[in-house]
């Protein structure tokens, strides 16, 4: 059963974030009864990070100006 769970994680949804300014903060939020912060990253202008939703990560919060790319489309965060 564990191997099947690992495959599901690898095949999970991905998103890409490109910072449009220095200091963009990306925060991963946990799944479960109580949502909690579990991981934080900072990006500088032009840096790109690719994220994957897993059984640990249910949401990602982005603070600052950034472009967000997913299979559902593109969005811009910040002012």
Protein backbone atom coordinates (compact mmCIF):
# COMPACT_ATOMS: atom_id res chain seq x y z
CA UNK A 1 0.00 0.00 0.00
CA UNK A 2 2.88 2.38 0.75
CA UNK A 3 4.19 2.22 -2.85
CA UNK A 4 0.74 3.22 -4.18
CA UNK A 5 0.65 6.17 -1.74
CA UNK A 6 4.07 7.34 -2.97
CA UNK A 7 2.92 7.21 -6.61
CA UNK A 8 -0.08 9.36 -5.75
CA UNK A 9 2.25 11.98 -4.23
CA UNK A 10 4.47 12.02 -7.30
CA UNK A 11 1.44 12.42 -9.56
CA UNK A 12 -0.10 15.20 -7.40
CA UNK A 13 -0.85 18.70 -8.71
CA UNK A 14 2.11 21.01 -9.25
CA UNK A 15 2.28 24.79 -9.32
CA UNK A 16 5.07 27.20 -10.15
CA UNK A 17 5.68 30.58 -8.53
CA UNK A 18 7.91 33.26 -10.07
CA UNK A 19 8.84 36.18 -7.78
CA UNK A 20 8.30 39.64 -9.30
CA UNK A 21 10.06 41.36 -6.38
CA UNK A 22 12.55 40.50 -3.64
CA UNK A 23 11.23 38.88 -0.49
CA UNK A 24 8.19 36.98 -1.83
CA UNK A 25 7.10 34.58 0.92
CA UNK A 26 5.55 31.19 0.18
CA UNK A 27 3.95 29.32 3.07
CA UNK A 28 2.85 25.66 2.96
CA UNK A 29 -0.22 24.73 5.01
CA UNK A 30 -0.99 21.27 6.38
CA UNK A 31 -3.97 19.01 5.81
CA UNK A 32 -6.13 17.65 8.58
CA UNK A 33 -8.47 18.75 11.31
CA UNK A 34 -6.34 21.80 12.20
CA UNK A 35 -4.62 23.68 9.35
CA UNK A 36 -1.13 24.81 10.38
CA UNK A 37 1.91 26.39 8.75
CA UNK A 38 4.53 23.72 8.05
CA UNK A 39 7.05 25.25 5.63
CA UNK A 40 8.15 28.75 4.57
CA UNK A 41 10.32 29.85 1.64
CA UNK A 42 11.50 33.29 0.52
CA UNK A 43 12.17 34.11 -3.13
CA UNK A 44 13.99 37.08 -4.64
CA UNK A 45 13.00 38.78 -7.89
CA UNK A 46 13.22 36.39 -10.83
CA UNK A 47 13.54 33.25 -8.73
CA UNK A 48 11.19 30.39 -9.56
CA UNK A 49 10.02 27.57 -7.31
CA UNK A 50 7.90 24.54 -8.22
CA UNK A 51 5.55 23.12 -5.58
CA UNK A 52 3.56 19.93 -5.30
CA UNK A 53 0.45 19.25 -3.27
CA UNK A 54 0.87 16.09 -1.18
CA UNK A 55 -0.83 14.32 1.69
CA UNK A 56 0.98 16.83 3.98
CA UNK A 57 0.33 20.03 2.00
CA UNK A 58 -3.23 21.14 1.26
CA UNK A 59 -2.68 24.84 0.54
CA UNK A 60 0.01 27.36 -0.26
CA UNK A 61 -0.12 31.03 0.76
CA UNK A 62 1.86 33.59 -1.26
CA UNK A 63 2.76 37.03 0.12
CA UNK A 64 4.28 39.57 -2.29
CA UNK A 65 4.24 40.16 -6.04
CA UNK A 66 4.50 36.89 -7.94
CA UNK A 67 3.22 35.06 -10.99
CA UNK A 68 1.53 31.73 -10.25
CA UNK A 69 1.23 29.00 -12.87
CA UNK A 70 -0.96 25.89 -12.49
CA UNK A 71 -2.71 23.46 -14.83
CA UNK A 72 -5.82 25.54 -14.18
CA UNK A 73 -4.26 28.76 -15.48
CA UNK A 74 -2.13 31.70 -14.44
CA UNK A 75 -2.61 34.37 -11.75
CA UNK A 76 -0.67 37.28 -10.30
CA UNK A 77 -0.35 37.88 -6.56
CA UNK A 78 0.36 41.27 -4.96
CA UNK A 79 -0.21 44.82 -6.17
